[in-house]
Amino acid sequence: QEQFVESGGGLVQPGGSLRLSCVASGFPFRLYGMAWVRRAPGKGLEWISEISSGGTDKSYANSVKGRFTISRDNAANTLYLQMNSLKPEDTAVYFCAQSRGRSSNSYLKQEYWGQGTQVTVSS
């Protein structure tokens, strides 16, 4: 059973930064591409970033490109998301997931989810 524990969210002012972490277990983390997705209030899941198993290939949604950086530490089974220049529209609950590509709808198929971590961007 896959398990994910997200952390690092909080309340931040526009233009601020946060670093999210996700500790994964229950599967060979180092062999899986990983992704961050988010759910904003009143909206569905949105894919925002993914990283290959070895950490060499990274992709970002246009909405976060240039502001967010995804990374991973396979020895620690941990996925990270450095979030800079945060905007109010980044307000959402952020989840990590096994990568299913860039189609947000694909992540609806994931069976196991962590609790997510709340990011609130407000002045």
C-alpha atoms as a PDB file:
ATOM      1  CA  GLN A   1       0.000   0.000   0.000  1.00  0.00           C
ATOM      2  CA  GLU A   2       1.453   3.308  -1.072  1.00  0.00           C
ATOM      3  CA  GLN A   3       1.620   6.000   1.588  1.00  0.00           C
ATOM      4  CA  PHE A   4       2.403   9.692   1.292  1.00  0.00           C
ATOM      5  CA  VAL A   5       2.989  12.225   4.035  1.00  0.00           C
ATOM      6  CA  GLU A   6       3.068  15.812   2.821  1.00  0.00           C
ATOM      7  CA  SER A   7       4.299  18.700   4.929  1.00  0.00           C
ATOM      8  CA  GLY A   8       5.662  22.219   4.719  1.00  0.00           C
ATOM      9  CA  GLY A   9       2.564  24.183   3.840  1.00  0.00           C
ATOM     10  CA  GLY A  10       1.353  27.238   5.652  1.00  0.00           C
ATOM     11  CA  LEU A  11       0.219  30.818   5.346  1.00  0.00           C
ATOM     12  CA  VAL A  12       2.460  33.069   3.287  1.00  0.00           C
ATOM     13  CA  GLN A  13       2.169  36.529   1.767  1.00  0.00           C
ATOM     14  CA  PRO A  14       2.124  37.037  -2.000  1.00  0.00           C
ATOM     15  CA  GLY A  15       5.676  36.910  -3.306  1.00  0.00           C
ATOM     16  CA  GLY A  16       6.780  34.655  -0.487  1.00  0.00           C
ATOM     17  CA  SER A  17       8.233  31.159  -0.564  1.00  0.00           C
ATOM     18  CA  LEU A  18       7.537  27.731   0.869  1.00  0.00           C
ATOM     19  CA  ARG A  19       9.260  24.366   0.582  1.00  0.00           C
ATOM     20  CA  LEU A  20       6.984  21.338   0.560  1.00  0.00           C
ATOM     21  CA  SER A  21       8.099  17.817   1.385  1.00  0.00           C
ATOM     22  CA  CYS A  22       6.532  14.426   0.785  1.00  0.00           C
ATOM     23  CA  VAL A  23       7.800  11.258   2.426  1.00  0.00           C
ATOM     24  CA  ALA A  24       6.656   8.207   0.483  1.00  0.00           C
ATOM     25  CA  SER A  25       6.572   4.545   1.450  1.00  0.00           C
ATOM     26  CA  GLY A  26       5.055   1.229   0.428  1.00  0.00           C
ATOM     27  CA  PHE A  27       6.654   1.067  -3.000  1.00  0.00           C
ATOM     28  CA  PRO A  28      10.144   1.325  -4.556  1.00  0.00           C
ATOM     29  CA  PHE A  29      10.257   5.118  -4.579  1.00  0.00           C
ATOM     30  CA  ARG A  30      13.535   5.300  -6.495  1.00  0.00           C
ATOM     31  CA  LEU A  31      11.970   3.480  -9.465  1.00  0.00           C
ATOM     32  CA  TYR A  32       8.978   5.787  -9.859  1.00  0.00           C
ATOM     33  CA  GLY A  33       8.518   9.144 -11.433  1.00  0.00           C
ATOM     34  CA  MET A  34       6.769  11.435  -8.986  1.00  0.00           C
ATOM     35  CA  ALA A  35       4.464  14.407  -9.270  1.00  0.00           C
ATOM     36  CA  TRP A  36       2.881  17.216  -7.321  1.00  0.00           C
ATOM     37  CA  VAL A  37      -0.787  17.973  -7.826  1.00  0.00           C
ATOM     38  CA  ARG A  38      -3.014  20.481  -6.080  1.00  0.00           C
ATOM     39  CA  ARG A  39      -6.668  21.121  -5.408  1.00  0.00           C
ATOM     40  CA  ALA A  40      -7.744  24.733  -5.073  1.00  0.00           C
ATOM     41  CA  PRO A  41     -11.010  25.673  -3.353  1.00  0.00           C
ATOM     42  CA  GLY A  42     -13.930  24.870  -5.624  1.00  0.00           C
ATOM     43  CA  LYS A  43     -11.732  23.322  -8.289  1.00  0.00           C
ATOM     44  CA  GLY A  44     -10.546  19.883  -9.335  1.00  0.00           C
ATOM     45  CA  LEU A  45      -7.095  18.390  -9.246  1.00  0.00           C
ATOM     46  CA  GLU A  46      -4.419  20.255 -11.157  1.00  0.00           C
ATOM     47  CA  TRP A  47      -1.120  18.688 -12.170  1.00  0.00           C
ATOM     48  CA  ILE A  48       1.681  21.131 -11.496  1.00  0.00           C
ATOM     49  CA  SER A  49       4.978  19.265 -11.748  1.00  0.00           C
ATOM     50  CA  GLU A  50       6.661  15.908 -12.196  1.00  0.00           C
ATOM     51  CA  ILE A  51      10.142  14.469 -11.934  1.00  0.00           C
ATOM     52  CA  SER A  52      11.671  11.313 -13.361  1.00  0.00           C
ATOM     53  CA  SER A  53      12.791   8.488 -11.113  1.00  0.00           C
ATOM     54  CA  GLY A  54      16.425   9.527 -11.269  1.00  0.00           C
ATOM     55  CA  GLY A  55      15.637  13.209 -10.869  1.00  0.00           C
ATOM     56  CA  THR A  56      17.143  14.284 -14.174  1.00  0.00           C
ATOM     57  CA  ASP A  57      13.956  15.145 -16.070  1.00  0.00           C
ATOM     58  CA  LYS A  58      11.512  17.714 -14.732  1.00  0.00           C
ATOM     59  CA  SER A  59       8.304  19.210 -16.084  1.00  0.00           C
ATOM     60  CA  TYR A  60       6.071  22.035 -14.904  1.00  0.00           C
ATOM     61  CA  ALA A  61       2.639  23.380 -15.658  1.00  0.00           C
ATOM     62  CA  ASN A  62       2.704  26.786 -17.307  1.00  0.00           C
ATOM     63  CA  SER A  63       1.025  28.254 -14.250  1.00  0.00           C
ATOM     64  CA  VAL A  64       4.058  27.516 -12.060  1.00  0.00           C
ATOM     65  CA  LYS A  65       6.966  27.336 -14.493  1.00  0.00           C
ATOM     66  CA  GLY A  66       9.790  29.620 -13.461  1.00  0.00           C
ATOM     67  CA  ARG A  67       8.502  29.879  -9.903  1.00  0.00           C
ATOM     68  CA  PHE A  68       8.454  26.288  -8.615  1.00  0.00           C
ATOM     69  CA  THR A  69      11.242  23.708  -8.572  1.00  0.00           C
ATOM     70  CA  ILE A  70      10.680  19.994  -8.053  1.00  0.00           C
ATOM     71  CA  SER A  71      13.414  17.751  -6.661  1.00  0.00           C
ATOM     72  CA  ARG A  72      13.830  14.437  -4.869  1.00  0.00           C
ATOM     73  CA  ASP A  73      16.100  12.551  -2.495  1.00  0.00           C
ATOM     74  CA  ASN A  74      15.779   8.884  -3.320  1.00  0.00           C
ATOM     75  CA  ALA A  75      17.856   7.811  -0.327  1.00  0.00           C
ATOM     76  CA  ALA A  76      15.268   9.455   1.913  1.00  0.00           C
ATOM     77  CA  ASN A  77      12.193   8.510  -0.142  1.00  0.00           C
ATOM     78  CA  THR A  78      11.354  12.196  -0.203  1.00  0.00           C
ATOM     79  CA  LEU A  79       9.938  14.501  -2.857  1.00  0.00           C
ATOM     80  CA  TYR A  80      10.266  18.267  -2.594  1.00  0.00           C
ATOM     81  CA  LEU A  81       8.657  21.316  -4.127  1.00  0.00           C
ATOM     82  CA  GLN A  82      10.347  24.682  -3.722  1.00  0.00           C
ATOM     83  CA  MET A  83       7.709  27.352  -4.273  1.00  0.00           C
ATOM     84  CA  ASN A  84       8.834  30.921  -4.905  1.00  0.00           C
ATOM     85  CA  SER A  85       7.015  34.098  -5.923  1.00  0.00           C
ATOM     86  CA  LEU A  86       3.782  32.693  -4.589  1.00  0.00           C
ATOM     87  CA  LYS A  87       0.499  34.106  -5.809  1.00  0.00           C
ATOM     88  CA  PRO A  88      -2.982  34.019  -4.264  1.00  0.00           C
ATOM     89  CA  GLU A  89      -4.053  31.617  -7.015  1.00  0.00           C
ATOM     90  CA  ASP A  90      -1.511  29.111  -5.671  1.00  0.00           C
ATOM     91  CA  THR A  91      -3.734  28.672  -2.634  1.00  0.00           C
ATOM     92  CA  ALA A  92      -4.618  24.982  -2.551  1.00  0.00           C
ATOM     93  CA  VAL A  93      -4.023  21.689  -0.834  1.00  0.00           C
ATOM     94  CA  TYR A  94      -0.898  20.146  -2.317  1.00  0.00           C
ATOM     95  CA  PHE A  95      -0.490  16.400  -2.750  1.00  0.00           C
ATOM     96  CA  CYS A  96       2.320  14.212  -4.007  1.00  0.00           C
ATOM     97  CA  ALA A  97       1.635  11.245  -6.261  1.00  0.00           C
ATOM     98  CA  GLN A  98       3.234   8.649  -8.440  1.00  0.00           C
ATOM     99  CA  SER A  99       3.616  10.260 -11.832  1.00  0.00           C
ATOM    100  CA  ARG A 100       0.783   9.623 -14.282  1.00  0.00           C
ATOM    101  CA  GLY A 101       1.798  12.199 -16.859  1.00  0.00           C
ATOM    102  CA  ARG A 102       0.701  15.776 -17.305  1.00  0.00           C
ATOM    103  CA  SER A 103      -3.030  15.160 -17.645  1.00  0.00           C
ATOM    104  CA  SER A 104      -4.643  16.249 -14.398  1.00  0.00           C
ATOM    105  CA  ASN A 105      -7.516  13.822 -14.856  1.00  0.00           C
ATOM    106  CA  SER A 106      -5.085  10.908 -14.801  1.00  0.00           C
ATOM    107  CA  TYR A 107      -4.424  11.499 -11.117  1.00  0.00           C
ATOM    108  CA  LEU A 108      -8.024  10.769 -10.257  1.00  0.00           C
ATOM    109  CA  LYS A 109      -7.062   7.123 -10.722  1.00  0.00           C
ATOM    110  CA  GLN A 110      -4.670   7.135  -7.788  1.00  0.00           C
ATOM    111  CA  GLU A 111      -6.029   4.926  -5.033  1.00  0.00           C
ATOM    112  CA  TYR A 112      -3.985   6.076  -2.064  1.00  0.00           C
ATOM    113  CA  TRP A 113      -3.505   9.693  -1.056  1.00  0.00           C
ATOM    114  CA  GLY A 114      -1.747  11.466   1.750  1.00  0.00           C
ATOM    115  CA  GLN A 115      -3.415  14.123   3.844  1.00  0.00           C
ATOM    116  CA  GLY A 116      -1.988  16.864   1.665  1.00  0.00           C
ATOM    117  CA  THR A 117      -0.536  20.099   2.953  1.00  0.00           C
ATOM    118  CA  GLN A 118      -2.429  23.383   2.865  1.00  0.00           C
ATOM    119  CA  VAL A 119      -0.819  26.364   1.179  1.00  0.00           C
ATOM    120  CA  THR A 120      -2.543  29.688   1.683  1.00  0.00           C
ATOM    121  CA  VAL A 121      -1.215  32.777  -0.081  1.00  0.00           C
ATOM    122  CA  SER A 122      -2.810  35.917   1.264  1.00  0.00           C
ATOM    123  CA  SER A 123      -1.901  39.359   2.490  1.00  0.00           C
END
